[in-house]
Amino acid sequence: MDIKKTDNSIKELTGLALIVLITVAFFAILNGIFGQGDELVAKMKIEEERIAKQQKLSKLISTLPSGVLVTFDGTKNYKLTDELYEAVCEATKLIPQRAIMGANFLNYEAYQVYTNNGNLIEDTFVKWENNTCIAGYTVVGPLNDGTEKKITVSGEALSFLSTGIDTRVYFIKNF
């Protein structure tokens, strides 16, 4: 064996080991500074669960017939079971102007604000709460006397409109 070749091999191996140690130390320092990423992993799991739930609800919505879906007997429309009522409620995010105007008729101040502010809606919501689908909206604007008012109108979503792609609140029964 040649001594020069052995010395060169040892130098190369030592250099490689040094590069590996520097790389491991660098990532250990970064890991110490930025943490283990447990929070990021938890957020990713929550997002994956939300996406899986949304896909399940979308699949359910696509199986429903197009048209009005109701929660009560006595119409020719498709009656939802209790389980479907909850699932449709959780899948619904849209409240069309027709449902908003229907709910406005029972709340005169909300109607005033809605018409005075150019029919602008600040926020809408549909949520499952206490075995009931609650739908509503918030309007902000002036009343006829000039005072600024923020009004939230909510009620039970008694029917939905299924388009085959999504569902929308069709009728809100005010509380």
C-alpha atoms as a PDB file:
ATOM      1  CA  MET A   1       0.000   0.000   0.000  1.00  0.00           C
ATOM      2  CA  ASP A   2       1.060   3.455  -0.803  1.00  0.00           C
ATOM      3  CA  ILE A   3       1.195   5.871   2.115  1.00  0.00           C
ATOM      4  CA  LYS A   4       0.176   8.838  -0.059  1.00  0.00           C
ATOM      5  CA  LYS A   5      -3.008   7.053  -1.191  1.00  0.00           C
ATOM      6  CA  THR A   6      -3.870   6.103   2.389  1.00  0.00           C
ATOM      7  CA  ASP A   7      -3.305   9.658   3.637  1.00  0.00           C
ATOM      8  CA  ASN A   8      -5.432  11.017   0.792  1.00  0.00           C
ATOM      9  CA  SER A   9      -8.249   8.529   1.557  1.00  0.00           C
ATOM     10  CA  ILE A  10      -8.188   9.458   5.246  1.00  0.00           C
ATOM     11  CA  LYS A  11      -8.287  13.153   4.340  1.00  0.00           C
ATOM     12  CA  GLU A  12     -11.267  12.586   2.039  1.00  0.00           C
ATOM     13  CA  LEU A  13     -13.091  10.487   4.665  1.00  0.00           C
ATOM     14  CA  THR A  14     -12.360  13.077   7.365  1.00  0.00           C
ATOM     15  CA  GLY A  15     -13.610  15.855   5.056  1.00  0.00           C
ATOM     16  CA  LEU A  16     -16.793  13.929   4.317  1.00  0.00           C
ATOM     17  CA  ALA A  17     -17.372  13.258   8.033  1.00  0.00           C
ATOM     18  CA  LEU A  18     -16.800  16.953   8.772  1.00  0.00           C
ATOM     19  CA  ILE A  19     -19.334  18.022   6.104  1.00  0.00           C
ATOM     20  CA  VAL A  20     -21.904  15.561   7.513  1.00  0.00           C
ATOM     21  CA  LEU A  21     -21.328  16.855  11.059  1.00  0.00           C
ATOM     22  CA  ILE A  22     -21.652  20.487   9.941  1.00  0.00           C
ATOM     23  CA  THR A  23     -24.897  19.681   8.062  1.00  0.00           C
ATOM     24  CA  VAL A  24     -26.392  17.830  11.044  1.00  0.00           C
ATOM     25  CA  ALA A  25     -25.362  20.647  13.404  1.00  0.00           C
ATOM     26  CA  PHE A  26     -26.855  23.246  11.049  1.00  0.00           C
ATOM     27  CA  PHE A  27     -30.230  21.475  10.939  1.00  0.00           C
ATOM     28  CA  ALA A  28     -30.140  20.862  14.713  1.00  0.00           C
ATOM     29  CA  ILE A  29     -29.665  24.607  15.241  1.00  0.00           C
ATOM     30  CA  LEU A  30     -32.509  25.422  12.822  1.00  0.00           C
ATOM     31  CA  ASN A  31     -34.724  22.884  14.579  1.00  0.00           C
ATOM     32  CA  GLY A  32     -33.889  24.495  17.914  1.00  0.00           C
ATOM     33  CA  ILE A  33     -34.730  27.960  16.599  1.00  0.00           C
ATOM     34  CA  PHE A  34     -37.931  27.123  14.709  1.00  0.00           C
ATOM     35  CA  GLY A  35     -39.184  24.276  16.892  1.00  0.00           C
ATOM     36  CA  GLN A  36     -40.320  20.779  16.152  1.00  0.00           C
ATOM     37  CA  GLY A  37     -43.212  21.808  13.919  1.00  0.00           C
ATOM     38  CA  ASP A  38     -45.818  20.171  16.174  1.00  0.00           C
ATOM     39  CA  GLU A  39     -48.104  23.165  15.725  1.00  0.00           C
ATOM     40  CA  LEU A  40     -47.758  22.963  11.946  1.00  0.00           C
ATOM     41  CA  VAL A  41     -48.465  19.228  11.972  1.00  0.00           C
ATOM     42  CA  ALA A  42     -51.568  19.795  14.122  1.00  0.00           C
ATOM     43  CA  LYS A  43     -52.798  22.513  11.726  1.00  0.00           C
ATOM     44  CA  MET A  44     -52.189  20.237   8.742  1.00  0.00           C
ATOM     45  CA  LYS A  45     -54.179  17.418  10.374  1.00  0.00           C
ATOM     46  CA  ILE A  46     -57.089  19.773  11.091  1.00  0.00           C
ATOM     47  CA  GLU A  47     -57.014  21.017   7.495  1.00  0.00           C
ATOM     48  CA  GLU A  48     -56.917  17.445   6.151  1.00  0.00           C
ATOM     49  CA  GLU A  49     -59.932  16.543   8.311  1.00  0.00           C
ATOM     50  CA  ARG A  50     -61.791  19.647   7.093  1.00  0.00           C
ATOM     51  CA  ILE A  51     -61.059  18.779   3.453  1.00  0.00           C
ATOM     52  CA  ALA A  52     -62.154  15.155   3.968  1.00  0.00           C
ATOM     53  CA  LYS A  53     -65.388  16.329   5.626  1.00  0.00           C
ATOM     54  CA  GLN A  54     -66.012  18.825   2.818  1.00  0.00           C
ATOM     55  CA  GLN A  55     -65.471  16.133   0.184  1.00  0.00           C
ATOM     56  CA  LYS A  56     -67.896  13.831   2.016  1.00  0.00           C
ATOM     57  CA  LEU A  57     -70.510  16.597   2.180  1.00  0.00           C
ATOM     58  CA  SER A  58     -69.983  17.466  -1.497  1.00  0.00           C
ATOM     59  CA  LYS A  59     -70.534  13.827  -2.421  1.00  0.00           C
ATOM     60  CA  LEU A  60     -73.738  13.826  -0.376  1.00  0.00           C
ATOM     61  CA  ILE A  61     -74.968  17.046  -2.012  1.00  0.00           C
ATOM     62  CA  SER A  62     -74.405  15.588  -5.478  1.00  0.00           C
ATOM     63  CA  THR A  63     -76.733  12.672  -4.608  1.00  0.00           C
ATOM     64  CA  LEU A  64     -79.619  14.930  -3.567  1.00  0.00           C
ATOM     65  CA  PRO A  65     -82.296  15.796  -6.107  1.00  0.00           C
ATOM     66  CA  SER A  66     -82.236  19.290  -7.590  1.00  0.00           C
ATOM     67  CA  GLY A  67     -84.911  21.589  -6.242  1.00  0.00           C
ATOM     68  CA  VAL A  68     -86.292  22.567  -2.875  1.00  0.00           C
ATOM     69  CA  LEU A  69     -85.375  20.403   0.111  1.00  0.00           C
ATOM     70  CA  VAL A  70     -87.639  20.788   3.146  1.00  0.00           C
ATOM     71  CA  THR A  71     -87.635  19.667   6.760  1.00  0.00           C
ATOM     72  CA  PHE A  72     -91.391  19.257   7.141  1.00  0.00           C
ATOM     73  CA  ASP A  73     -94.241  17.180   5.705  1.00  0.00           C
ATOM     74  CA  GLY A  74     -97.030  18.431   3.514  1.00  0.00           C
ATOM     75  CA  THR A  75     -95.309  19.535   0.308  1.00  0.00           C
ATOM     76  CA  LYS A  76     -94.315  17.927  -2.955  1.00  0.00           C
ATOM     77  CA  ASN A  77     -90.702  18.924  -2.285  1.00  0.00           C
ATOM     78  CA  TYR A  78     -88.024  16.453  -1.179  1.00  0.00           C
ATOM     79  CA  LYS A  79     -88.242  15.928   2.612  1.00  0.00           C
ATOM     80  CA  LEU A  80     -84.918  15.633   4.413  1.00  0.00           C
ATOM     81  CA  THR A  81     -84.353  13.063   7.130  1.00  0.00           C
ATOM     82  CA  ASP A  82     -82.888  14.347  10.401  1.00  0.00           C
ATOM     83  CA  GLU A  83     -79.433  13.078   9.401  1.00  0.00           C
ATOM     84  CA  LEU A  84     -79.649  14.668   5.950  1.00  0.00           C
ATOM     85  CA  TYR A  85     -80.926  17.918   7.475  1.00  0.00           C
ATOM     86  CA  GLU A  86     -77.782  18.183   9.606  1.00  0.00           C
ATOM     87  CA  ALA A  87     -75.482  17.215   6.726  1.00  0.00           C
ATOM     88  CA  VAL A  88     -77.111  19.681   4.312  1.00  0.00           C
ATOM     89  CA  CYS A  89     -76.918  22.412   6.957  1.00  0.00           C
ATOM     90  CA  GLU A  90     -73.203  21.798   7.465  1.00  0.00           C
ATOM     91  CA  ALA A  91     -72.605  21.787   3.720  1.00  0.00           C
ATOM     92  CA  THR A  92     -74.554  24.995   3.066  1.00  0.00           C
ATOM     93  CA  LYS A  93     -72.730  28.323   3.040  1.00  0.00           C
ATOM     94  CA  LEU A  94     -74.868  30.413   0.681  1.00  0.00           C
ATOM     95  CA  ILE A  95     -77.842  32.547   1.619  1.00  0.00           C
ATOM     96  CA  PRO A  96     -79.386  34.095  -1.507  1.00  0.00           C
ATOM     97  CA  GLN A  97     -81.077  37.487  -1.505  1.00  0.00           C
ATOM     98  CA  ARG A  98     -84.513  35.833  -1.682  1.00  0.00           C
ATOM     99  CA  ALA A  99     -84.013  34.216   1.742  1.00  0.00           C
ATOM    100  CA  ILE A 100     -82.588  37.436   3.169  1.00  0.00           C
ATOM    101  CA  MET A 101     -85.536  39.499   1.950  1.00  0.00           C
ATOM    102  CA  GLY A 102     -87.978  36.927   3.341  1.00  0.00           C
ATOM    103  CA  ALA A 103     -86.360  37.178   6.761  1.00  0.00           C
ATOM    104  CA  ASN A 104     -86.259  41.004   6.499  1.00  0.00           C
ATOM    105  CA  PHE A 105     -90.031  41.279   6.323  1.00  0.00           C
ATOM    106  CA  LEU A 106     -90.249  40.292   9.976  1.00  0.00           C
ATOM    107  CA  ASN A 107     -87.533  42.696  11.145  1.00  0.00           C
ATOM    108  CA  TYR A 108     -88.353  46.247  10.074  1.00  0.00           C
ATOM    109  CA  GLU A 109     -85.105  47.812  11.338  1.00  0.00           C
ATOM    110  CA  ALA A 110     -83.047  45.228   9.424  1.00  0.00           C
ATOM    111  CA  TYR A 111     -85.082  46.014   6.322  1.00  0.00           C
ATOM    112  CA  GLN A 112     -84.409  49.757   6.786  1.00  0.00           C
ATOM    113  CA  VAL A 113     -80.678  49.251   7.218  1.00  0.00           C
ATOM    114  CA  TYR A 114     -80.555  46.803   4.297  1.00  0.00           C
ATOM    115  CA  THR A 115     -82.267  49.211   1.902  1.00  0.00           C
ATOM    116  CA  ASN A 116     -80.502  52.334   3.231  1.00  0.00           C
ATOM    117  CA  ASN A 117     -77.032  50.829   2.806  1.00  0.00           C
ATOM    118  CA  GLY A 118     -77.620  49.740  -0.797  1.00  0.00           C
ATOM    119  CA  ASN A 119     -78.567  46.124  -0.003  1.00  0.00           C
ATOM    120  CA  LEU A 120     -75.126  45.338   1.395  1.00  0.00           C
ATOM    121  CA  ILE A 121     -74.702  42.361   3.702  1.00  0.00           C
ATOM    122  CA  GLU A 122     -71.739  42.466   6.087  1.00  0.00           C
ATOM    123  CA  ASP A 123     -71.757  38.783   6.986  1.00  0.00           C
ATOM    124  CA  THR A 124     -73.807  35.613   6.488  1.00  0.00           C
ATOM    125  CA  PHE A 125     -73.668  32.373   8.426  1.00  0.00           C
ATOM    126  CA  VAL A 126     -75.165  28.894   8.428  1.00  0.00           C
ATOM    127  CA  LYS A 127     -74.373  26.676  11.405  1.00  0.00           C
ATOM    128  CA  TRP A 128     -75.646  23.564  13.145  1.00  0.00           C
ATOM    129  CA  GLU A 129     -76.543  24.409  16.742  1.00  0.00           C
ATOM    130  CA  ASN A 130     -78.700  22.512  19.274  1.00  0.00           C
ATOM    131  CA  ASN A 131     -80.066  20.107  16.640  1.00  0.00           C
ATOM    132  CA  THR A 132     -81.214  23.033  14.507  1.00  0.00           C
ATOM    133  CA  CYS A 133     -79.819  24.661  11.393  1.00  0.00           C
ATOM    134  CA  ILE A 134     -79.373  28.358  12.151  1.00  0.00           C
ATOM    135  CA  ALA A 135     -78.995  30.750   9.217  1.00  0.00           C
ATOM    136  CA  GLY A 136     -78.613  34.472   9.324  1.00  0.00           C
ATOM    137  CA  TYR A 137     -76.880  37.616   8.247  1.00  0.00           C
ATOM    138  CA  THR A 138     -75.624  40.915   9.610  1.00  0.00           C
ATOM    139  CA  VAL A 139     -76.298  44.338   8.117  1.00  0.00           C
ATOM    140  CA  VAL A 140     -74.642  47.597   9.125  1.00  0.00           C
ATOM    141  CA  GLY A 141     -75.844  51.029   8.148  1.00  0.00           C
ATOM    142  CA  PRO A 142     -78.104  53.945   8.926  1.00  0.00           C
ATOM    143  CA  LEU A 143     -81.704  53.773  10.039  1.00  0.00           C
ATOM    144  CA  ASN A 144     -84.192  56.315   8.691  1.00  0.00           C
ATOM    145  CA  ASP A 145     -83.507  58.565  11.704  1.00  0.00           C
ATOM    146  CA  GLY A 146     -79.788  58.711  10.774  1.00  0.00           C
ATOM    147  CA  THR A 147     -78.452  56.534  13.600  1.00  0.00           C
ATOM    148  CA  GLU A 148     -75.932  53.856  12.668  1.00  0.00           C
ATOM    149  CA  LYS A 149     -77.066  50.344  13.532  1.00  0.00           C
ATOM    150  CA  LYS A 150     -75.616  46.828  13.309  1.00  0.00           C
ATOM    151  CA  ILE A 151     -78.351  44.194  13.179  1.00  0.00           C
ATOM    152  CA  THR A 152     -78.047  40.425  13.042  1.00  0.00           C
ATOM    153  CA  VAL A 153     -81.098  38.553  11.816  1.00  0.00           C
ATOM    154  CA  SER A 154     -81.138  34.812  12.348  1.00  0.00           C
ATOM    155  CA  GLY A 155     -83.559  31.973  12.388  1.00  0.00           C
ATOM    156  CA  GLU A 156     -84.087  28.339  11.602  1.00  0.00           C
ATOM    157  CA  ALA A 157     -83.330  27.301   8.034  1.00  0.00           C
ATOM    158  CA  LEU A 158     -86.456  25.317   7.182  1.00  0.00           C
ATOM    159  CA  SER A 159     -85.663  24.640   3.541  1.00  0.00           C
ATOM    160  CA  PHE A 160     -82.768  24.593   1.127  1.00  0.00           C
ATOM    161  CA  LEU A 161     -82.367  24.833  -2.623  1.00  0.00           C
ATOM    162  CA  SER A 162     -80.233  22.090  -4.134  1.00  0.00           C
ATOM    163  CA  THR A 163     -78.617  22.885  -7.478  1.00  0.00           C
ATOM    164  CA  GLY A 164     -76.805  19.568  -7.777  1.00  0.00           C
ATOM    165  CA  ILE A 165     -73.498  21.390  -7.209  1.00  0.00           C
ATOM    166  CA  ASP A 166     -74.255  23.153  -3.944  1.00  0.00           C
ATOM    167  CA  THR A 167     -77.076  23.965  -1.570  1.00  0.00           C
ATOM    168  CA  ARG A 168     -78.450  27.345  -0.539  1.00  0.00           C
ATOM    169  CA  VAL A 169     -80.754  28.420   2.237  1.00  0.00           C
ATOM    170  CA  TYR A 170     -84.219  28.779   0.733  1.00  0.00           C
ATOM    171  CA  PHE A 171     -86.305  29.931   3.695  1.00  0.00           C
ATOM    172  CA  ILE A 172     -85.395  31.312   7.123  1.00  0.00           C
ATOM    173  CA  LYS A 173     -87.970  31.195   9.917  1.00  0.00           C
ATOM    174  CA  ASN A 174     -87.128  34.148  12.168  1.00  0.00           C
ATOM    175  CA  PHE A 175     -86.917  33.709  15.917  1.00  0.00           C
END
